[in-house]
């Protein structure tokens, strides 16, 4: 993922200690879905997403911060010209920004295809790492590690979400439809 120094400068003052910028993604200025005057920037750090919405012709900046621990799922919608990344966030309540009007899934639109793909891949990597960490913690808490039944699900197998019933690949950690954590029956 590339990094734009101008976007990094926008968030230098609000970075946490030991937080580093991994990359930046900016909404297109001229392509469909973009914003000619005040494009939105997404600063991807090792701790969270910082979405910078520019207002008043770019003079004022509104920061929206989403820690990876709050993100339930991410979805990429690739278009012919531009792409969108949809982020489902748990327990996020605001009347402004990405998830305004009580929406649980926010859209970052008007992104170049490669940027959108890089952003969604990075978030998915973070979600997978979190799921692995949670799974190991649960196993340690249970005091047992039994993997004898894992071969049953196999590659190409499916598991159904206990919350919404959606069909997911057997290796899924979170439901593709509702974002709930997939609970293995093994």
C-alpha atoms as a PDB file:
ATOM      1  CA  UNK A   1       0.000   0.000   0.000  1.00  0.00           C
ATOM      2  CA  UNK A   2       1.423   3.394  -0.929  1.00  0.00           C
ATOM      3  CA  UNK A   3       1.713   6.324   1.459  1.00  0.00           C
ATOM      4  CA  UNK A   4       0.982   9.951   0.583  1.00  0.00           C
ATOM      5  CA  UNK A   5       3.057  12.286   2.815  1.00  0.00           C
ATOM      6  CA  UNK A   6       0.388  15.007   2.582  1.00  0.00           C
ATOM      7  CA  UNK A   7      -2.231  12.656   4.039  1.00  0.00           C
ATOM      8  CA  UNK A   8       0.173  11.473   6.753  1.00  0.00           C
ATOM      9  CA  UNK A   9       0.726  15.099   7.783  1.00  0.00           C
ATOM     10  CA  UNK A  10      -3.023  15.440   8.353  1.00  0.00           C
ATOM     11  CA  UNK A  11      -2.918  12.876  11.184  1.00  0.00           C
ATOM     12  CA  UNK A  12       0.556  13.265  12.720  1.00  0.00           C
ATOM     13  CA  UNK A  13      -0.846  15.113  15.727  1.00  0.00           C
ATOM     14  CA  UNK A  14      -3.450  12.465  16.551  1.00  0.00           C
ATOM     15  CA  UNK A  15      -1.335   9.320  16.196  1.00  0.00           C
ATOM     16  CA  UNK A  16      -0.966   7.235  19.358  1.00  0.00           C
ATOM     17  CA  UNK A  17       2.438   6.374  20.795  1.00  0.00           C
ATOM     18  CA  UNK A  18       3.868   3.402  18.869  1.00  0.00           C
ATOM     19  CA  UNK A  19       1.224   3.829  16.143  1.00  0.00           C
ATOM     20  CA  UNK A  20       2.586   3.965  12.612  1.00  0.00           C
ATOM     21  CA  UNK A  21       1.048   4.708   9.231  1.00  0.00           C
ATOM     22  CA  UNK A  22       0.906   1.631   6.987  1.00  0.00           C
ATOM     23  CA  UNK A  23      -0.525   3.389   3.945  1.00  0.00           C
ATOM     24  CA  UNK A  24      -3.003   5.919   2.631  1.00  0.00           C
ATOM     25  CA  UNK A  25      -5.920   5.743   0.239  1.00  0.00           C
ATOM     26  CA  UNK A  26      -7.649   8.756  -1.245  1.00  0.00           C
ATOM     27  CA  UNK A  27     -10.966   9.140  -2.994  1.00  0.00           C
ATOM     28  CA  UNK A  28     -10.583   9.980  -6.662  1.00  0.00           C
ATOM     29  CA  UNK A  29     -10.904  13.585  -7.739  1.00  0.00           C
ATOM     30  CA  UNK A  30     -11.997  13.054 -11.327  1.00  0.00           C
ATOM     31  CA  UNK A  31     -13.439   9.543 -11.596  1.00  0.00           C
ATOM     32  CA  UNK A  32     -17.093   8.643 -10.856  1.00  0.00           C
ATOM     33  CA  UNK A  33     -17.924   8.614  -7.157  1.00  0.00           C
ATOM     34  CA  UNK A  34     -14.995  10.850  -6.346  1.00  0.00           C
ATOM     35  CA  UNK A  35     -14.904  14.383  -5.069  1.00  0.00           C
ATOM     36  CA  UNK A  36     -13.311  17.089  -7.186  1.00  0.00           C
ATOM     37  CA  UNK A  37     -12.778  19.665  -4.455  1.00  0.00           C
ATOM     38  CA  UNK A  38     -12.598  17.772  -1.149  1.00  0.00           C
ATOM     39  CA  UNK A  39     -11.733  14.080  -1.561  1.00  0.00           C
ATOM     40  CA  UNK A  40     -11.860  11.856   1.516  1.00  0.00           C
ATOM     41  CA  UNK A  41      -8.586  10.270   2.672  1.00  0.00           C
ATOM     42  CA  UNK A  42      -8.208   7.035   4.601  1.00  0.00           C
ATOM     43  CA  UNK A  43      -5.064   6.755   6.667  1.00  0.00           C
ATOM     44  CA  UNK A  44      -4.352   3.112   7.473  1.00  0.00           C
ATOM     45  CA  UNK A  45      -2.308   2.612  10.633  1.00  0.00           C
ATOM     46  CA  UNK A  46      -1.238  -0.485  12.493  1.00  0.00           C
ATOM     47  CA  UNK A  47      -3.958   0.257  15.115  1.00  0.00           C
ATOM     48  CA  UNK A  48      -6.954   1.797  13.314  1.00  0.00           C
ATOM     49  CA  UNK A  49      -8.416   3.481  10.260  1.00  0.00           C
ATOM     50  CA  UNK A  50      -8.463   7.268  10.321  1.00  0.00           C
ATOM     51  CA  UNK A  51     -10.892   8.715   7.802  1.00  0.00           C
ATOM     52  CA  UNK A  52     -10.303  12.371   7.022  1.00  0.00           C
ATOM     53  CA  UNK A  53     -13.305  14.150   5.573  1.00  0.00           C
ATOM     54  CA  UNK A  54     -12.367  17.547   4.221  1.00  0.00           C
ATOM     55  CA  UNK A  55     -14.920  20.304   4.556  1.00  0.00           C
ATOM     56  CA  UNK A  56     -15.089  24.010   3.722  1.00  0.00           C
ATOM     57  CA  UNK A  57     -13.047  23.570   0.537  1.00  0.00           C
ATOM     58  CA  UNK A  58     -10.430  21.545   2.385  1.00  0.00           C
ATOM     59  CA  UNK A  59      -9.764  24.110   5.100  1.00  0.00           C
ATOM     60  CA  UNK A  60     -11.512  22.133   7.849  1.00  0.00           C
ATOM     61  CA  UNK A  61     -10.870  18.434   8.548  1.00  0.00           C
ATOM     62  CA  UNK A  62     -13.266  16.051  10.272  1.00  0.00           C
ATOM     63  CA  UNK A  63     -11.550  12.919  11.625  1.00  0.00           C
ATOM     64  CA  UNK A  64     -13.410   9.641  11.946  1.00  0.00           C
ATOM     65  CA  UNK A  65     -11.496   6.918  13.764  1.00  0.00           C
ATOM     66  CA  UNK A  66     -12.336   3.208  13.576  1.00  0.00           C
ATOM     67  CA  UNK A  67     -10.201   0.784  15.602  1.00  0.00           C
ATOM     68  CA  UNK A  68      -9.724  -2.626  13.964  1.00  0.00           C
ATOM     69  CA  UNK A  69     -11.204  -4.209  17.088  1.00  0.00           C
ATOM     70  CA  UNK A  70     -14.584  -2.639  16.176  1.00  0.00           C
ATOM     71  CA  UNK A  71     -14.610  -3.806  12.558  1.00  0.00           C
ATOM     72  CA  UNK A  72     -16.705  -6.938  12.048  1.00  0.00           C
ATOM     73  CA  UNK A  73     -16.262  -7.402   8.307  1.00  0.00           C
ATOM     74  CA  UNK A  74     -15.096  -5.711   5.142  1.00  0.00           C
ATOM     75  CA  UNK A  75     -16.444  -6.089   1.643  1.00  0.00           C
ATOM     76  CA  UNK A  76     -14.934  -4.978  -1.666  1.00  0.00           C
ATOM     77  CA  UNK A  77     -17.154  -3.947  -4.546  1.00  0.00           C
ATOM     78  CA  UNK A  78     -15.073  -3.514  -7.685  1.00  0.00           C
ATOM     79  CA  UNK A  79     -16.470  -1.378 -10.434  1.00  0.00           C
ATOM     80  CA  UNK A  80     -15.280  -0.844 -13.969  1.00  0.00           C
ATOM     81  CA  UNK A  81     -13.918   2.619 -13.222  1.00  0.00           C
ATOM     82  CA  UNK A  82     -13.874   3.012  -9.426  1.00  0.00           C
ATOM     83  CA  UNK A  83     -14.380   0.685  -6.475  1.00  0.00           C
ATOM     84  CA  UNK A  84     -15.930   0.840  -3.008  1.00  0.00           C
ATOM     85  CA  UNK A  85     -14.982  -0.693   0.307  1.00  0.00           C
ATOM     86  CA  UNK A  86     -17.817  -1.463   2.728  1.00  0.00           C
ATOM     87  CA  UNK A  87     -16.939  -1.719   6.407  1.00  0.00           C
ATOM     88  CA  UNK A  88     -19.289  -3.257   8.993  1.00  0.00           C
ATOM     89  CA  UNK A  89     -18.630  -1.865  12.478  1.00  0.00           C
ATOM     90  CA  UNK A  90     -20.041  -3.157  15.746  1.00  0.00           C
ATOM     91  CA  UNK A  91     -21.360  -0.779  18.381  1.00  0.00           C
ATOM     92  CA  UNK A  92     -20.671   2.342  16.327  1.00  0.00           C
ATOM     93  CA  UNK A  93     -23.236   5.086  16.778  1.00  0.00           C
ATOM     94  CA  UNK A  94     -22.920   8.477  15.183  1.00  0.00           C
ATOM     95  CA  UNK A  95     -24.957  10.975  13.223  1.00  0.00           C
ATOM     96  CA  UNK A  96     -22.004  11.946  11.048  1.00  0.00           C
ATOM     97  CA  UNK A  97     -19.374  10.330   8.890  1.00  0.00           C
ATOM     98  CA  UNK A  98     -19.068   6.860   7.449  1.00  0.00           C
ATOM     99  CA  UNK A  99     -21.889   5.283   9.448  1.00  0.00           C
ATOM    100  CA  UNK A 100     -24.328   8.159   9.701  1.00  0.00           C
ATOM    101  CA  UNK A 101     -28.064   7.623  10.145  1.00  0.00           C
ATOM    102  CA  UNK A 102     -27.539   4.500  12.265  1.00  0.00           C
ATOM    103  CA  UNK A 103     -26.111   2.394   9.436  1.00  0.00           C
ATOM    104  CA  UNK A 104     -24.030  -0.595  10.482  1.00  0.00           C
ATOM    105  CA  UNK A 105     -22.109  -0.739   7.226  1.00  0.00           C
ATOM    106  CA  UNK A 106     -20.321   2.288   5.845  1.00  0.00           C
ATOM    107  CA  UNK A 107     -19.053   2.819   2.319  1.00  0.00           C
ATOM    108  CA  UNK A 108     -15.796   4.386   1.235  1.00  0.00           C
ATOM    109  CA  UNK A 109     -16.498   5.025  -2.438  1.00  0.00           C
ATOM    110  CA  UNK A 110     -14.759   6.490  -5.452  1.00  0.00           C
ATOM    111  CA  UNK A 111     -11.483   4.628  -4.860  1.00  0.00           C
ATOM    112  CA  UNK A 112      -9.086   3.429  -7.524  1.00  0.00           C
ATOM    113  CA  UNK A 113      -9.435  -0.350  -7.929  1.00  0.00           C
ATOM    114  CA  UNK A 114      -5.960  -1.229  -6.673  1.00  0.00           C
ATOM    115  CA  UNK A 115      -6.271   1.090  -3.668  1.00  0.00           C
ATOM    116  CA  UNK A 116      -9.646  -0.389  -2.712  1.00  0.00           C
ATOM    117  CA  UNK A 117      -8.267  -3.924  -3.042  1.00  0.00           C
ATOM    118  CA  UNK A 118      -5.184  -3.089  -0.931  1.00  0.00           C
ATOM    119  CA  UNK A 119      -7.351  -1.486   1.756  1.00  0.00           C
ATOM    120  CA  UNK A 120      -9.801  -4.389   1.976  1.00  0.00           C
ATOM    121  CA  UNK A 121      -6.967  -6.950   1.943  1.00  0.00           C
ATOM    122  CA  UNK A 122      -5.179  -5.175   4.798  1.00  0.00           C
ATOM    123  CA  UNK A 123      -8.337  -4.972   6.909  1.00  0.00           C
ATOM    124  CA  UNK A 124      -9.124  -8.640   6.199  1.00  0.00           C
ATOM    125  CA  UNK A 125      -5.587  -9.578   7.281  1.00  0.00           C
ATOM    126  CA  UNK A 126      -6.120  -7.698  10.551  1.00  0.00           C
ATOM    127  CA  UNK A 127      -9.496  -9.408  11.083  1.00  0.00           C
ATOM    128  CA  UNK A 128      -8.004 -12.842  10.447  1.00  0.00           C
ATOM    129  CA  UNK A 129      -5.162 -12.163  12.895  1.00  0.00           C
ATOM    130  CA  UNK A 130      -7.653 -11.011  15.527  1.00  0.00           C
ATOM    131  CA  UNK A 131      -9.803 -14.092  14.991  1.00  0.00           C
ATOM    132  CA  UNK A 132      -6.773 -16.370  15.353  1.00  0.00           C
ATOM    133  CA  UNK A 133      -5.760 -14.610  18.559  1.00  0.00           C
ATOM    134  CA  UNK A 134      -9.298 -14.904  19.960  1.00  0.00           C
ATOM    135  CA  UNK A 135      -9.500 -18.568  18.985  1.00  0.00           C
ATOM    136  CA  UNK A 136      -6.180 -19.348  20.696  1.00  0.00           C
ATOM    137  CA  UNK A 137      -7.318 -17.478  23.813  1.00  0.00           C
ATOM    138  CA  UNK A 138     -10.576 -19.455  23.885  1.00  0.00           C
ATOM    139  CA  UNK A 139      -8.686 -22.725  23.464  1.00  0.00           C
ATOM    140  CA  UNK A 140      -6.279 -21.802  26.234  1.00  0.00           C
ATOM    141  CA  UNK A 141      -9.196 -20.852  28.479  1.00  0.00           C
ATOM    142  CA  UNK A 142     -10.916 -24.157  27.750  1.00  0.00           C
ATOM    143  CA  UNK A 143      -7.667 -25.942  28.496  1.00  0.00           C
ATOM    144  CA  UNK A 144      -7.855 -28.162  25.456  1.00  0.00           C
ATOM    145  CA  UNK A 145      -6.851 -28.066  21.829  1.00  0.00           C
ATOM    146  CA  UNK A 146      -8.806 -30.649  19.853  1.00  0.00           C
ATOM    147  CA  UNK A 147      -8.363 -30.387  16.113  1.00  0.00           C
ATOM    148  CA  UNK A 148      -9.470 -33.903  15.234  1.00  0.00           C
ATOM    149  CA  UNK A 149     -12.704 -32.748  13.616  1.00  0.00           C
ATOM    150  CA  UNK A 150     -11.210 -30.041  11.408  1.00  0.00           C
ATOM    151  CA  UNK A 151     -10.637 -32.381   8.479  1.00  0.00           C
ATOM    152  CA  UNK A 152     -14.394 -32.881   8.195  1.00  0.00           C
ATOM    153  CA  UNK A 153     -14.994 -29.355   6.949  1.00  0.00           C
ATOM    154  CA  UNK A 154     -12.223 -29.646   4.329  1.00  0.00           C
ATOM    155  CA  UNK A 155     -11.450 -27.264   1.507  1.00  0.00           C
ATOM    156  CA  UNK A 156     -14.632 -26.305  -0.288  1.00  0.00           C
ATOM    157  CA  UNK A 157     -16.777 -27.151   2.763  1.00  0.00           C
ATOM    158  CA  UNK A 158     -19.341 -24.784   4.203  1.00  0.00           C
ATOM    159  CA  UNK A 159     -20.509 -23.644   7.606  1.00  0.00           C
ATOM    160  CA  UNK A 160     -23.722 -21.790   8.387  1.00  0.00           C
ATOM    161  CA  UNK A 161     -23.934 -18.667  10.525  1.00  0.00           C
ATOM    162  CA  UNK A 162     -25.762 -19.288  13.802  1.00  0.00           C
ATOM    163  CA  UNK A 163     -27.081 -15.705  13.798  1.00  0.00           C
ATOM    164  CA  UNK A 164     -28.495 -15.247  10.270  1.00  0.00           C
ATOM    165  CA  UNK A 165     -28.126 -18.705   8.690  1.00  0.00           C
ATOM    166  CA  UNK A 166     -25.983 -17.520   5.782  1.00  0.00           C
ATOM    167  CA  UNK A 167     -23.712 -20.061   4.072  1.00  0.00           C
ATOM    168  CA  UNK A 168     -19.986 -19.318   4.549  1.00  0.00           C
ATOM    169  CA  UNK A 169     -16.790 -21.115   3.566  1.00  0.00           C
ATOM    170  CA  UNK A 170     -15.635 -23.525   6.274  1.00  0.00           C
ATOM    171  CA  UNK A 171     -12.546 -21.458   7.093  1.00  0.00           C
ATOM    172  CA  UNK A 172     -14.567 -18.238   7.695  1.00  0.00           C
ATOM    173  CA  UNK A 173     -14.067 -16.553  11.048  1.00  0.00           C
ATOM    174  CA  UNK A 174     -16.862 -14.011  10.518  1.00  0.00           C
ATOM    175  CA  UNK A 175     -20.125 -14.236   8.548  1.00  0.00           C
ATOM    176  CA  UNK A 176     -19.959 -12.651   5.107  1.00  0.00           C
ATOM    177  CA  UNK A 177     -23.583 -11.510   5.391  1.00  0.00           C
ATOM    178  CA  UNK A 178     -24.054 -10.198   8.947  1.00  0.00           C
ATOM    179  CA  UNK A 179     -20.487 -10.013  10.313  1.00  0.00           C
ATOM    180  CA  UNK A 180     -21.169 -12.240  13.335  1.00  0.00           C
ATOM    181  CA  UNK A 181     -18.360 -14.451  14.601  1.00  0.00           C
ATOM    182  CA  UNK A 182     -18.631 -17.960  13.141  1.00  0.00           C
ATOM    183  CA  UNK A 183     -18.768 -20.550  15.891  1.00  0.00           C
ATOM    184  CA  UNK A 184     -17.385 -23.913  14.824  1.00  0.00           C
ATOM    185  CA  UNK A 185     -19.390 -26.971  15.878  1.00  0.00           C
ATOM    186  CA  UNK A 186     -16.167 -28.940  16.475  1.00  0.00           C
END
